[in-house]
Amino acid sequence: MSQLEFFMSNPSRVVAGLATAVLGLAFAGCSSGGSGGGDVATVNGQPISRATFDAKLEALPQAKSQLSQLIQQALIDQYATDNKVEISDAEIQKKEDEIKAKYPAGQFEQILKAQNLTDADVKKILRQQAVLEKAVQPQITVTDADIKAYLAKNHTSLDTTEQVHAKHILVADLKTANSIEAQLKSGAKFEDLAAKYSTDPSSKAKGGDLGFFGRNQMVKPFEVAAFSQPIGVVGPPVKSPFGYHIIEVIERKPAQVATLANSRDKIKNILTQQQEQTKLPEFMQGLRRKANIVINDDSLKDALPPLPPESTPAASPAAGASPAAAASPAATK
């Protein structure tokens, strides 16, 4: 169920999940064949039949996984229809924008292109994820006591170190760097020069903006300059193993000790996701138990993993017996 995981906090899992899900769609498209039967290709007049092609596809190790994905997608879509779960286009766009924001400008689109994913594919997966979130939401409970306990146990990991927000222009030689520094001090816009000169592909499209970062995240010469330069002042070129950097510091955040006041929302989100990671598989198993799923292809009969046994409710006390008596050792003899 990779595309259904809660992966908003980790962009790489988003892409992996989307890729898996859409591979399933692609497999289904190839197997069904938009032109029906016949031949998919000819080689010097020798035909390769669609039946042969489909048989090869079904023999691939990925085939069962992709069929499983498609079945799960169908179950979710049917649940949404039956229960009138509506997800607006604005909600989906917001989710997609949050994912894109975790990548440098343009990189998310490049990754999707490399995986042969379309924007429609992304929206379909995110819509199904949103359906699942709404389905399990009533089962999620995070109390103040839970939040306090998590803070006490994970205090160190929630503390934040000093951070700086900076932008830079990276070039190969000192002459170019000096020229850019002079242009900036003469009134040129940092964003324009970053787009024109910077050799850092991950930041140039964003005007050189690197976002916030802490110590030990950048090469040492860059770090020293970024954490010592005055805010809003373009510093002199800084040499690193990557070339010469022209740096402007935008703002700084001091180190912060996690407290209930400044970490409540973050902790609640973490605990919510932890519960969701348990509830989502259980919910999907419930949909499968209620569904009539028939796999007609013998080679794909075991595409779906076996369902775990249903938990048996605890036996009720015998009629007329008190709860205390039913729970006593004597009552079990």
C-alpha atoms as a PDB file:
ATOM      1  CA  MET A   1       0.000   0.000   0.000  1.00  0.00           C
ATOM      2  CA  SER A   2       2.934   2.283  -0.676  1.00  0.00           C
ATOM      3  CA  GLN A   3       1.001   5.103  -2.312  1.00  0.00           C
ATOM      4  CA  LEU A   4      -1.312   5.258   0.672  1.00  0.00           C
ATOM      5  CA  GLU A   5       1.333   5.761   3.327  1.00  0.00           C
ATOM      6  CA  PHE A   6       1.491   9.019   5.180  1.00  0.00           C
ATOM      7  CA  PHE A   7       4.510  10.402   3.458  1.00  0.00           C
ATOM      8  CA  MET A   8       3.957  14.127   3.582  1.00  0.00           C
ATOM      9  CA  SER A   9       6.891  14.566   5.905  1.00  0.00           C
ATOM     10  CA  ASN A  10       9.300  12.857   3.523  1.00  0.00           C
ATOM     11  CA  PRO A  11       9.272  13.958  -0.134  1.00  0.00           C
ATOM     12  CA  SER A  12      11.264  10.988  -1.404  1.00  0.00           C
ATOM     13  CA  ARG A  13       8.541   8.652  -0.115  1.00  0.00           C
ATOM     14  CA  VAL A  14       5.971  10.742  -1.940  1.00  0.00           C
ATOM     15  CA  VAL A  15       7.695  10.204  -5.262  1.00  0.00           C
ATOM     16  CA  ALA A  16       8.292   6.509  -4.596  1.00  0.00           C
ATOM     17  CA  GLY A  17       4.654   6.022  -3.646  1.00  0.00           C
ATOM     18  CA  LEU A  18       3.361   7.901  -6.654  1.00  0.00           C
ATOM     19  CA  ALA A  19       5.676   5.975  -8.949  1.00  0.00           C
ATOM     20  CA  THR A  20       4.453   2.640  -7.618  1.00  0.00           C
ATOM     21  CA  ALA A  21       0.823   3.611  -7.933  1.00  0.00           C
ATOM     22  CA  VAL A  22       1.082   4.955 -11.448  1.00  0.00           C
ATOM     23  CA  LEU A  23       3.145   1.993 -12.609  1.00  0.00           C
ATOM     24  CA  GLY A  24       0.046   0.031 -11.724  1.00  0.00           C
ATOM     25  CA  LEU A  25      -2.064   2.279 -13.909  1.00  0.00           C
ATOM     26  CA  ALA A  26       0.444   1.971 -16.721  1.00  0.00           C
ATOM     27  CA  PHE A  27       0.470  -1.814 -16.425  1.00  0.00           C
ATOM     28  CA  ALA A  28      -3.309  -1.905 -16.613  1.00  0.00           C
ATOM     29  CA  GLY A  29      -3.231   0.316 -19.679  1.00  0.00           C
ATOM     30  CA  CYS A  30      -0.761  -1.940 -21.463  1.00  0.00           C
ATOM     31  CA  SER A  31      -2.635  -5.112 -20.581  1.00  0.00           C
ATOM     32  CA  SER A  32      -6.040  -3.842 -21.637  1.00  0.00           C
ATOM     33  CA  GLY A  33      -4.690  -2.417 -24.877  1.00  0.00           C
ATOM     34  CA  GLY A  34      -6.457   0.580 -26.338  1.00  0.00           C
ATOM     35  CA  SER A  35      -6.707  -1.204 -29.719  1.00  0.00           C
ATOM     36  CA  GLY A  36      -8.054  -4.530 -28.413  1.00  0.00           C
ATOM     37  CA  GLY A  37      -6.453  -7.724 -29.776  1.00  0.00           C
ATOM     38  CA  GLY A  38      -4.213  -8.125 -32.803  1.00  0.00           C
ATOM     39  CA  ASP A  39      -0.511  -7.410 -32.950  1.00  0.00           C
ATOM     40  CA  VAL A  40       1.351  -4.833 -30.892  1.00  0.00           C
ATOM     41  CA  ALA A  41       4.284  -4.715 -33.338  1.00  0.00           C
ATOM     42  CA  THR A  42       5.836  -6.359 -36.358  1.00  0.00           C
ATOM     43  CA  VAL A  43       9.531  -7.008 -36.994  1.00  0.00           C
ATOM     44  CA  ASN A  44      10.288  -7.322 -40.715  1.00  0.00           C
ATOM     45  CA  GLY A  45       6.731  -8.491 -41.153  1.00  0.00           C
ATOM     46  CA  GLN A  46       6.865 -10.982 -38.269  1.00  0.00           C
ATOM     47  CA  PRO A  47       4.061 -10.143 -35.812  1.00  0.00           C
ATOM     48  CA  ILE A  48       4.286  -9.877 -32.048  1.00  0.00           C
ATOM     49  CA  SER A  49       0.771 -10.598 -30.861  1.00  0.00           C
ATOM     50  CA  ARG A  50      -0.967  -8.752 -28.055  1.00  0.00           C
ATOM     51  CA  ALA A  51      -1.576 -12.084 -26.340  1.00  0.00           C
ATOM     52  CA  THR A  52       2.175 -12.754 -26.273  1.00  0.00           C
ATOM     53  CA  PHE A  53       2.882  -9.251 -25.046  1.00  0.00           C
ATOM     54  CA  ASP A  54       0.246  -9.461 -22.293  1.00  0.00           C
ATOM     55  CA  ALA A  55       1.541 -12.866 -21.198  1.00  0.00           C
ATOM     56  CA  LYS A  56       5.033 -11.414 -20.809  1.00  0.00           C
ATOM     57  CA  LEU A  57       3.677  -8.502 -18.781  1.00  0.00           C
ATOM     58  CA  GLU A  58       1.743 -10.809 -16.477  1.00  0.00           C
ATOM     59  CA  ALA A  59       4.860 -12.913 -15.920  1.00  0.00           C
ATOM     60  CA  LEU A  60       6.830  -9.944 -14.618  1.00  0.00           C
ATOM     61  CA  PRO A  61       7.459  -9.920 -10.839  1.00  0.00           C
ATOM     62  CA  GLN A  62       5.806  -6.494 -10.653  1.00  0.00           C
ATOM     63  CA  ALA A  63       2.520  -7.700 -12.157  1.00  0.00           C
ATOM     64  CA  LYS A  64       0.994  -9.009  -8.920  1.00  0.00           C
ATOM     65  CA  SER A  65       2.035  -5.890  -7.038  1.00  0.00           C
ATOM     66  CA  GLN A  66       0.457  -3.660  -9.668  1.00  0.00           C
ATOM     67  CA  LEU A  67      -2.796  -5.630  -9.669  1.00  0.00           C
ATOM     68  CA  SER A  68      -2.897  -5.342  -5.883  1.00  0.00           C
ATOM     69  CA  GLN A  69      -2.464  -1.580  -6.197  1.00  0.00           C
ATOM     70  CA  LEU A  70      -5.281  -1.313  -8.726  1.00  0.00           C
ATOM     71  CA  ILE A  71      -7.626  -3.339  -6.525  1.00  0.00           C
ATOM     72  CA  GLN A  72      -6.881  -1.073  -3.580  1.00  0.00           C
ATOM     73  CA  GLN A  73      -7.508   2.012  -5.695  1.00  0.00           C
ATOM     74  CA  ALA A  74     -10.872   0.586  -6.783  1.00  0.00           C
ATOM     75  CA  LEU A  75     -11.820  -0.141  -3.150  1.00  0.00           C
ATOM     76  CA  ILE A  76     -10.991   3.426  -2.111  1.00  0.00           C
ATOM     77  CA  ASP A  77     -12.902   4.976  -5.011  1.00  0.00           C
ATOM     78  CA  GLN A  78     -15.944   2.824  -4.227  1.00  0.00           C
ATOM     79  CA  TYR A  79     -15.760   3.712  -0.532  1.00  0.00           C
ATOM     80  CA  ALA A  80     -15.661   7.420  -1.393  1.00  0.00           C
ATOM     81  CA  THR A  81     -18.696   7.074  -3.677  1.00  0.00           C
ATOM     82  CA  ASP A  82     -20.714   4.931  -1.259  1.00  0.00           C
ATOM     83  CA  ASN A  83     -20.006   7.218   1.693  1.00  0.00           C
ATOM     84  CA  LYS A  84     -20.247  10.492  -0.232  1.00  0.00           C
ATOM     85  CA  VAL A  85     -16.704  11.493   0.721  1.00  0.00           C
ATOM     86  CA  GLU A  86     -15.967  14.601  -1.326  1.00  0.00           C
ATOM     87  CA  ILE A  87     -12.479  16.021  -1.730  1.00  0.00           C
ATOM     88  CA  SER A  88     -12.313  19.435  -3.357  1.00  0.00           C
ATOM     89  CA  ASP A  89      -9.830  20.345  -6.052  1.00  0.00           C
ATOM     90  CA  ALA A  90      -8.550  23.068  -3.704  1.00  0.00           C
ATOM     91  CA  GLU A  91      -7.666  20.460  -1.042  1.00  0.00           C
ATOM     92  CA  ILE A  92      -5.753  18.370  -3.567  1.00  0.00           C
ATOM     93  CA  GLN A  93      -3.917  21.395  -4.938  1.00  0.00           C
ATOM     94  CA  LYS A  94      -2.907  22.406  -1.421  1.00  0.00           C
ATOM     95  CA  LYS A  95      -1.470  18.940  -0.753  1.00  0.00           C
ATOM     96  CA  GLU A  96       0.432  18.985  -4.027  1.00  0.00           C
ATOM     97  CA  ASP A  97       1.801  22.481  -3.338  1.00  0.00           C
ATOM     98  CA  GLU A  98       3.017  21.336   0.102  1.00  0.00           C
ATOM     99  CA  ILE A  99       4.935  18.489  -1.514  1.00  0.00           C
ATOM    100  CA  LYS A 100       6.433  20.714  -4.208  1.00  0.00           C
ATOM    101  CA  ALA A 101       7.558  23.222  -1.566  1.00  0.00           C
ATOM    102  CA  LYS A 102       9.875  20.588  -0.103  1.00  0.00           C
ATOM    103  CA  TYR A 103      11.900  20.565  -3.341  1.00  0.00           C
ATOM    104  CA  PRO A 104      13.952  23.239  -5.082  1.00  0.00           C
ATOM    105  CA  ALA A 105      11.989  24.970  -7.822  1.00  0.00           C
ATOM    106  CA  GLY A 106      11.409  22.698 -10.802  1.00  0.00           C
ATOM    107  CA  GLN A 107      12.934  19.575  -9.250  1.00  0.00           C
ATOM    108  CA  PHE A 108       9.650  17.892  -8.348  1.00  0.00           C
ATOM    109  CA  GLU A 109       8.439  18.259 -11.935  1.00  0.00           C
ATOM    110  CA  GLN A 110      11.720  16.836 -13.231  1.00  0.00           C
ATOM    111  CA  ILE A 111      11.404  13.786 -10.985  1.00  0.00           C
ATOM    112  CA  LEU A 112       7.836  13.161 -12.091  1.00  0.00           C
ATOM    113  CA  LYS A 113       8.862  13.473 -15.734  1.00  0.00           C
ATOM    114  CA  ALA A 114      11.668  10.964 -15.214  1.00  0.00           C
ATOM    115  CA  GLN A 115       9.112   8.553 -13.707  1.00  0.00           C
ATOM    116  CA  ASN A 116       6.614   9.142 -16.542  1.00  0.00           C
ATOM    117  CA  LEU A 117       4.106  10.581 -14.093  1.00  0.00           C
ATOM    118  CA  THR A 118       1.626  13.301 -14.986  1.00  0.00           C
ATOM    119  CA  ASP A 119       0.023  15.951 -12.825  1.00  0.00           C
ATOM    120  CA  ALA A 120      -3.262  14.059 -13.173  1.00  0.00           C
ATOM    121  CA  ASP A 121      -1.568  10.928 -11.785  1.00  0.00           C
ATOM    122  CA  VAL A 122      -0.347  12.894  -8.777  1.00  0.00           C
ATOM    123  CA  LYS A 123      -3.770  14.372  -8.093  1.00  0.00           C
ATOM    124  CA  LYS A 124      -5.438  10.962  -8.307  1.00  0.00           C
ATOM    125  CA  ILE A 125      -3.127   9.472  -5.672  1.00  0.00           C
ATOM    126  CA  LEU A 126      -3.418  12.499  -3.403  1.00  0.00           C
ATOM    127  CA  ARG A 127      -7.201  12.408  -3.708  1.00  0.00           C
ATOM    128  CA  GLN A 128      -7.262   8.779  -2.581  1.00  0.00           C
ATOM    129  CA  GLN A 129      -4.917   9.587   0.275  1.00  0.00           C
ATOM    130  CA  ALA A 130      -7.287  12.361   1.365  1.00  0.00           C
ATOM    131  CA  VAL A 131     -10.224   9.940   1.277  1.00  0.00           C
ATOM    132  CA  LEU A 132      -8.346   7.587   3.603  1.00  0.00           C
ATOM    133  CA  GLU A 133      -7.413  10.408   5.957  1.00  0.00           C
ATOM    134  CA  LYS A 134     -11.073  11.348   6.320  1.00  0.00           C
ATOM    135  CA  ALA A 135     -12.092   7.722   6.737  1.00  0.00           C
ATOM    136  CA  VAL A 136      -9.803   7.049   9.714  1.00  0.00           C
ATOM    137  CA  GLN A 137      -9.935  10.524  11.240  1.00  0.00           C
ATOM    138  CA  PRO A 138     -12.727   9.644  13.730  1.00  0.00           C
ATOM    139  CA  GLN A 139     -10.518   6.856  15.094  1.00  0.00           C
ATOM    140  CA  ILE A 140      -7.576   9.151  15.835  1.00  0.00           C
ATOM    141  CA  THR A 141      -7.255  10.507  19.354  1.00  0.00           C
ATOM    142  CA  VAL A 142      -4.306  12.570  20.610  1.00  0.00           C
ATOM    143  CA  THR A 143      -4.713  13.896  24.144  1.00  0.00           C
ATOM    144  CA  ASP A 144      -2.790  16.560  26.036  1.00  0.00           C
ATOM    145  CA  ALA A 145      -1.356  13.771  28.164  1.00  0.00           C
ATOM    146  CA  ASP A 146      -0.056  12.030  25.008  1.00  0.00           C
ATOM    147  CA  ILE A 147       1.599  15.249  23.843  1.00  0.00           C
ATOM    148  CA  LYS A 148       3.240  15.901  27.220  1.00  0.00           C
ATOM    149  CA  ALA A 149       4.525  12.326  27.423  1.00  0.00           C
ATOM    150  CA  TYR A 150       6.017  12.535  23.934  1.00  0.00           C
ATOM    151  CA  LEU A 151       7.731  15.833  24.747  1.00  0.00           C
ATOM    152  CA  ALA A 152       9.226  14.406  27.936  1.00  0.00           C
ATOM    153  CA  LYS A 153      10.567  11.350  26.113  1.00  0.00           C
ATOM    154  CA  ASN A 154      11.787  13.082  22.929  1.00  0.00           C
ATOM    155  CA  HIS A 155      12.794  16.477  24.250  1.00  0.00           C
ATOM    156  CA  THR A 156      16.278  16.494  22.731  1.00  0.00           C
ATOM    157  CA  SER A 157      15.151  15.646  19.211  1.00  0.00           C
ATOM    158  CA  LEU A 158      12.565  18.439  19.303  1.00  0.00           C
ATOM    159  CA  ASP A 159      15.040  21.157  20.287  1.00  0.00           C
ATOM    160  CA  THR A 160      16.217  23.269  17.346  1.00  0.00           C
ATOM    161  CA  THR A 161      19.696  24.662  16.802  1.00  0.00           C
ATOM    162  CA  GLU A 162      20.585  28.134  15.549  1.00  0.00           C
ATOM    163  CA  GLN A 163      19.549  28.555  11.919  1.00  0.00           C
ATOM    164  CA  VAL A 164      20.216  31.063   9.177  1.00  0.00           C
ATOM    165  CA  HIS A 165      18.232  31.920   6.055  1.00  0.00           C
ATOM    166  CA  ALA A 166      20.494  32.936   3.182  1.00  0.00           C
ATOM    167  CA  LYS A 167      20.763  33.166  -0.566  1.00  0.00           C
ATOM    168  CA  HIS A 168      23.834  32.819  -2.731  1.00  0.00           C
ATOM    169  CA  ILE A 169      25.197  33.001  -6.241  1.00  0.00           C
ATOM    170  CA  LEU A 170      27.777  30.349  -7.078  1.00  0.00           C
ATOM    171  CA  VAL A 171      30.301  30.917  -9.882  1.00  0.00           C
ATOM    172  CA  ALA A 172      33.501  29.227 -10.977  1.00  0.00           C
ATOM    173  CA  ASP A 173      36.036  32.074 -10.784  1.00  0.00           C
ATOM    174  CA  LEU A 174      36.895  35.056  -8.599  1.00  0.00           C
ATOM    175  CA  LYS A 175      36.726  37.572 -11.460  1.00  0.00           C
ATOM    176  CA  THR A 176      33.075  36.775 -12.144  1.00  0.00           C
ATOM    177  CA  ALA A 177      32.332  36.773  -8.414  1.00  0.00           C
ATOM    178  CA  ASN A 178      33.849  40.252  -7.976  1.00  0.00           C
ATOM    179  CA  SER A 179      31.861  41.516 -10.940  1.00  0.00           C
ATOM    180  CA  ILE A 180      28.609  40.187  -9.486  1.00  0.00           C
ATOM    181  CA  GLU A 181      29.386  41.707  -6.074  1.00  0.00           C
ATOM    182  CA  ALA A 182      29.953  45.093  -7.715  1.00  0.00           C
ATOM    183  CA  GLN A 183      26.693  44.852  -9.668  1.00  0.00           C
ATOM    184  CA  LEU A 184      24.775  44.022  -6.507  1.00  0.00           C
ATOM    185  CA  LYS A 185      26.265  46.973  -4.648  1.00  0.00           C
ATOM    186  CA  SER A 186      25.295  49.171  -7.587  1.00  0.00           C
ATOM    187  CA  GLY A 187      21.644  48.213  -7.207  1.00  0.00           C
ATOM    188  CA  ALA A 188      21.231  45.089  -9.330  1.00  0.00           C
ATOM    189  CA  LYS A 189      18.654  42.569  -8.059  1.00  0.00           C
ATOM    190  CA  PHE A 190      20.083  39.475  -6.406  1.00  0.00           C
ATOM    191  CA  GLU A 191      17.397  37.270  -7.971  1.00  0.00           C
ATOM    192  CA  ASP A 192      18.188  38.474 -11.496  1.00  0.00           C
ATOM    193  CA  LEU A 193      21.923  37.867 -11.156  1.00  0.00           C
ATOM    194  CA  ALA A 194      21.376  34.454  -9.547  1.00  0.00           C
ATOM    195  CA  ALA A 195      19.218  33.396 -12.497  1.00  0.00           C
ATOM    196  CA  LYS A 196      21.825  34.709 -14.941  1.00  0.00           C
ATOM    197  CA  TYR A 197      25.108  33.584 -13.374  1.00  0.00           C
ATOM    198  CA  SER A 198      24.662  30.971 -10.645  1.00  0.00           C
ATOM    199  CA  THR A 199      25.903  27.455 -11.374  1.00  0.00           C
ATOM    200  CA  ASP A 200      23.882  25.997  -8.491  1.00  0.00           C
ATOM    201  CA  PRO A 201      20.848  24.461 -10.275  1.00  0.00           C
ATOM    202  CA  SER A 202      18.936  23.792  -7.056  1.00  0.00           C
ATOM    203  CA  SER A 203      18.787  27.451  -6.007  1.00  0.00           C
ATOM    204  CA  LYS A 204      19.224  29.650  -9.083  1.00  0.00           C
ATOM    205  CA  ALA A 205      15.587  29.262 -10.135  1.00  0.00           C
ATOM    206  CA  LYS A 206      14.599  30.566  -6.690  1.00  0.00           C
ATOM    207  CA  GLY A 207      16.784  33.641  -6.908  1.00  0.00           C
ATOM    208  CA  GLY A 208      19.598  31.880  -5.050  1.00  0.00           C
ATOM    209  CA  ASP A 209      17.406  31.257  -1.978  1.00  0.00           C
ATOM    210  CA  LEU A 210      18.681  28.351   0.134  1.00  0.00           C
ATOM    211  CA  GLY A 211      16.026  28.535   2.833  1.00  0.00           C
ATOM    212  CA  PHE A 212      16.946  27.947   6.471  1.00  0.00           C
ATOM    213  CA  PHE A 213      19.856  25.710   7.430  1.00  0.00           C
ATOM    214  CA  GLY A 214      21.801  24.923  10.574  1.00  0.00           C
ATOM    215  CA  ARG A 215      25.445  24.418  11.331  1.00  0.00           C
ATOM    216  CA  ASN A 216      27.296  21.505   9.741  1.00  0.00           C
ATOM    217  CA  GLN A 217      24.896  21.470   6.790  1.00  0.00           C
ATOM    218  CA  MET A 218      27.071  23.544   4.448  1.00  0.00           C
ATOM    219  CA  VAL A 219      30.768  23.436   3.625  1.00  0.00           C
ATOM    220  CA  LYS A 220      32.818  25.180   6.305  1.00  0.00           C
ATOM    221  CA  PRO A 221      33.818  28.425   4.500  1.00  0.00           C
ATOM    222  CA  PHE A 222      30.194  28.985   3.483  1.00  0.00           C
ATOM    223  CA  GLU A 223      28.919  28.244   6.985  1.00  0.00           C
ATOM    224  CA  VAL A 224      31.380  30.633   8.634  1.00  0.00           C
ATOM    225  CA  ALA A 225      30.358  33.468   6.313  1.00  0.00           C
ATOM    226  CA  ALA A 226      26.615  32.811   6.570  1.00  0.00           C
ATOM    227  CA  PHE A 227      26.625  32.721  10.368  1.00  0.00           C
ATOM    228  CA  SER A 228      28.803  35.830  10.728  1.00  0.00           C
ATOM    229  CA  GLN A 229      27.653  38.235   7.988  1.00  0.00           C
ATOM    230  CA  PRO A 230      25.270  41.064   8.918  1.00  0.00           C
ATOM    231  CA  ILE A 231      21.678  40.585   7.804  1.00  0.00           C
ATOM    232  CA  GLY A 232      20.806  42.213   4.480  1.00  0.00           C
ATOM    233  CA  VAL A 233      24.435  42.891   3.494  1.00  0.00           C
ATOM    234  CA  VAL A 234      26.088  41.312   0.450  1.00  0.00           C
ATOM    235  CA  GLY A 235      29.386  39.858   1.621  1.00  0.00           C
ATOM    236  CA  PRO A 236      32.644  39.498  -0.327  1.00  0.00           C
ATOM    237  CA  PRO A 237      33.128  36.334  -2.415  1.00  0.00           C
ATOM    238  CA  VAL A 238      33.719  33.196  -0.339  1.00  0.00           C
ATOM    239  CA  LYS A 239      35.757  30.350  -1.802  1.00  0.00           C
ATOM    240  CA  SER A 240      34.713  26.739  -1.250  1.00  0.00           C
ATOM    241  CA  PRO A 241      35.453  23.458  -3.047  1.00  0.00           C
ATOM    242  CA  PHE A 242      32.469  24.252  -5.309  1.00  0.00           C
ATOM    243  CA  GLY A 243      33.655  27.667  -6.460  1.00  0.00           C
ATOM    244  CA  TYR A 244      33.015  31.215  -5.278  1.00  0.00           C
ATOM    245  CA  HIS A 245      29.864  32.203  -3.390  1.00  0.00           C
ATOM    246  CA  ILE A 246      28.320  35.648  -3.121  1.00  0.00           C
ATOM    247  CA  ILE A 247      26.147  35.444  -0.009  1.00  0.00           C
ATOM    248  CA  GLU A 248      23.368  37.564   1.435  1.00  0.00           C
ATOM    249  CA  VAL A 249      21.893  36.647   4.824  1.00  0.00           C
ATOM    250  CA  ILE A 250      18.145  37.247   5.023  1.00  0.00           C
ATOM    251  CA  GLU A 251      17.362  36.325   8.633  1.00  0.00           C
ATOM    252  CA  ARG A 252      18.445  34.207  11.585  1.00  0.00           C
ATOM    253  CA  LYS A 253      16.638  32.030  14.119  1.00  0.00           C
ATOM    254  CA  PRO A 254      18.223  31.493  17.535  1.00  0.00           C
ATOM    255  CA  ALA A 255      18.470  28.024  19.041  1.00  0.00           C
ATOM    256  CA  GLN A 256      15.210  27.039  20.696  1.00  0.00           C
ATOM    257  CA  VAL A 257      14.441  24.585  23.490  1.00  0.00           C
ATOM    258  CA  ALA A 258      11.258  22.654  22.802  1.00  0.00           C
ATOM    259  CA  THR A 259       8.349  23.496  25.098  1.00  0.00           C
ATOM    260  CA  LEU A 260       4.721  22.511  25.146  1.00  0.00           C
ATOM    261  CA  ALA A 261       3.814  25.948  23.781  1.00  0.00           C
ATOM    262  CA  ASN A 262       6.159  25.937  20.766  1.00  0.00           C
ATOM    263  CA  SER A 263       5.987  22.205  19.957  1.00  0.00           C
ATOM    264  CA  ARG A 264       2.366  21.217  20.602  1.00  0.00           C
ATOM    265  CA  ASP A 265       1.262  21.313  16.950  1.00  0.00           C
ATOM    266  CA  LYS A 266       4.370  19.491  15.732  1.00  0.00           C
ATOM    267  CA  ILE A 267       4.001  16.732  18.328  1.00  0.00           C
ATOM    268  CA  LYS A 268       0.287  16.357  17.639  1.00  0.00           C
ATOM    269  CA  ASN A 269       1.044  15.940  13.948  1.00  0.00           C
ATOM    270  CA  ILE A 270       3.687  13.282  14.693  1.00  0.00           C
ATOM    271  CA  LEU A 271       1.364  11.326  16.985  1.00  0.00           C
ATOM    272  CA  THR A 272      -1.500  11.633  14.502  1.00  0.00           C
ATOM    273  CA  GLN A 273       0.651  10.207  11.731  1.00  0.00           C
ATOM    274  CA  GLN A 274       1.809   7.359  13.957  1.00  0.00           C
ATOM    275  CA  GLN A 275      -1.798   6.376  14.632  1.00  0.00           C
ATOM    276  CA  GLU A 276      -2.715   6.751  10.982  1.00  0.00           C
ATOM    277  CA  GLN A 277       0.075   4.371   9.987  1.00  0.00           C
ATOM    278  CA  THR A 278      -1.680   1.713  12.065  1.00  0.00           C
ATOM    279  CA  LYS A 279      -5.263   2.627  11.211  1.00  0.00           C
ATOM    280  CA  LEU A 280      -4.822   2.856   7.430  1.00  0.00           C
ATOM    281  CA  PRO A 281      -3.801  -0.803   6.874  1.00  0.00           C
ATOM    282  CA  GLU A 282      -6.585  -1.904   9.231  1.00  0.00           C
ATOM    283  CA  PHE A 283      -9.095   0.187   7.288  1.00  0.00           C
ATOM    284  CA  MET A 284      -7.981  -1.269   3.951  1.00  0.00           C
ATOM    285  CA  GLN A 285      -8.184  -4.783   5.368  1.00  0.00           C
ATOM    286  CA  GLY A 286     -11.757  -4.010   6.433  1.00  0.00           C
ATOM    287  CA  LEU A 287     -12.663  -2.902   2.907  1.00  0.00           C
ATOM    288  CA  ARG A 288     -11.195  -6.104   1.490  1.00  0.00           C
ATOM    289  CA  ARG A 289     -13.138  -8.298   3.923  1.00  0.00           C
ATOM    290  CA  LYS A 290     -16.403  -6.700   2.861  1.00  0.00           C
ATOM    291  CA  ALA A 291     -15.614  -6.740  -0.863  1.00  0.00           C
ATOM    292  CA  ASN A 292     -16.283  -9.415  -3.459  1.00  0.00           C
ATOM    293  CA  ILE A 293     -12.926  -9.523  -5.261  1.00  0.00           C
ATOM    294  CA  VAL A 294     -12.579 -12.008  -8.104  1.00  0.00           C
ATOM    295  CA  ILE A 295      -9.221 -12.435  -9.874  1.00  0.00           C
ATOM    296  CA  ASN A 296      -9.877 -14.213 -13.160  1.00  0.00           C
ATOM    297  CA  ASP A 297      -6.264 -14.702 -14.240  1.00  0.00           C
ATOM    298  CA  ASP A 298      -4.860 -17.870 -12.659  1.00  0.00           C
ATOM    299  CA  SER A 299      -1.308 -16.514 -12.793  1.00  0.00           C
ATOM    300  CA  LEU A 300      -2.359 -13.567 -10.615  1.00  0.00           C
ATOM    301  CA  LYS A 301      -4.582 -15.415  -8.129  1.00  0.00           C
ATOM    302  CA  ASP A 302      -2.254 -14.691  -5.209  1.00  0.00           C
ATOM    303  CA  ALA A 303      -1.699 -11.020  -6.077  1.00  0.00           C
ATOM    304  CA  LEU A 304      -3.348  -9.936  -2.837  1.00  0.00           C
ATOM    305  CA  PRO A 305      -1.492 -10.789   0.378  1.00  0.00           C
ATOM    306  CA  PRO A 306      -3.467 -12.944   2.837  1.00  0.00           C
ATOM    307  CA  LEU A 307      -5.558 -10.998   5.323  1.00  0.00           C
ATOM    308  CA  PRO A 308      -4.566 -11.351   8.975  1.00  0.00           C
ATOM    309  CA  PRO A 309      -7.141 -13.091  11.165  1.00  0.00           C
ATOM    310  CA  GLU A 310      -9.809 -10.844  12.610  1.00  0.00           C
ATOM    311  CA  SER A 311      -9.331 -10.057  16.266  1.00  0.00           C
ATOM    312  CA  THR A 312     -11.852 -11.885  18.431  1.00  0.00           C
ATOM    313  CA  PRO A 313     -13.697  -9.723  20.996  1.00  0.00           C
ATOM    314  CA  ALA A 314     -13.142 -10.691  24.617  1.00  0.00           C
ATOM    315  CA  ALA A 315     -15.805 -13.043  25.946  1.00  0.00           C
ATOM    316  CA  SER A 316     -18.600 -11.352  27.896  1.00  0.00           C
ATOM    317  CA  PRO A 317     -19.174 -12.328  31.559  1.00  0.00           C
ATOM    318  CA  ALA A 318     -21.794 -15.018  32.106  1.00  0.00           C
ATOM    319  CA  ALA A 319     -25.295 -13.694  32.675  1.00  0.00           C
ATOM    320  CA  GLY A 320     -25.815 -12.693  36.274  1.00  0.00           C
ATOM    321  CA  ALA A 321     -22.128 -12.756  37.151  1.00  0.00           C
ATOM    322  CA  SER A 322     -20.552  -9.561  38.426  1.00  0.00           C
ATOM    323  CA  PRO A 323     -17.587  -8.084  36.509  1.00  0.00           C
ATOM    324  CA  ALA A 324     -15.374  -8.591  39.553  1.00  0.00           C
ATOM    325  CA  ALA A 325     -16.320 -12.237  39.856  1.00  0.00           C
ATOM    326  CA  ALA A 326     -15.814 -12.859  36.155  1.00  0.00           C
ATOM    327  CA  ALA A 327     -12.324 -11.389  36.348  1.00  0.00           C
ATOM    328  CA  SER A 328     -11.224 -13.311  39.439  1.00  0.00           C
ATOM    329  CA  PRO A 329      -8.943 -16.383  39.209  1.00  0.00           C
ATOM    330  CA  ALA A 330     -11.709 -18.523  40.715  1.00  0.00           C
ATOM    331  CA  ALA A 331     -14.044 -17.623  37.878  1.00  0.00           C
ATOM    332  CA  THR A 332     -11.690 -19.129  35.273  1.00  0.00           C
ATOM    333  CA  LYS A 333     -11.499 -22.550  36.891  1.00  0.00           C
END
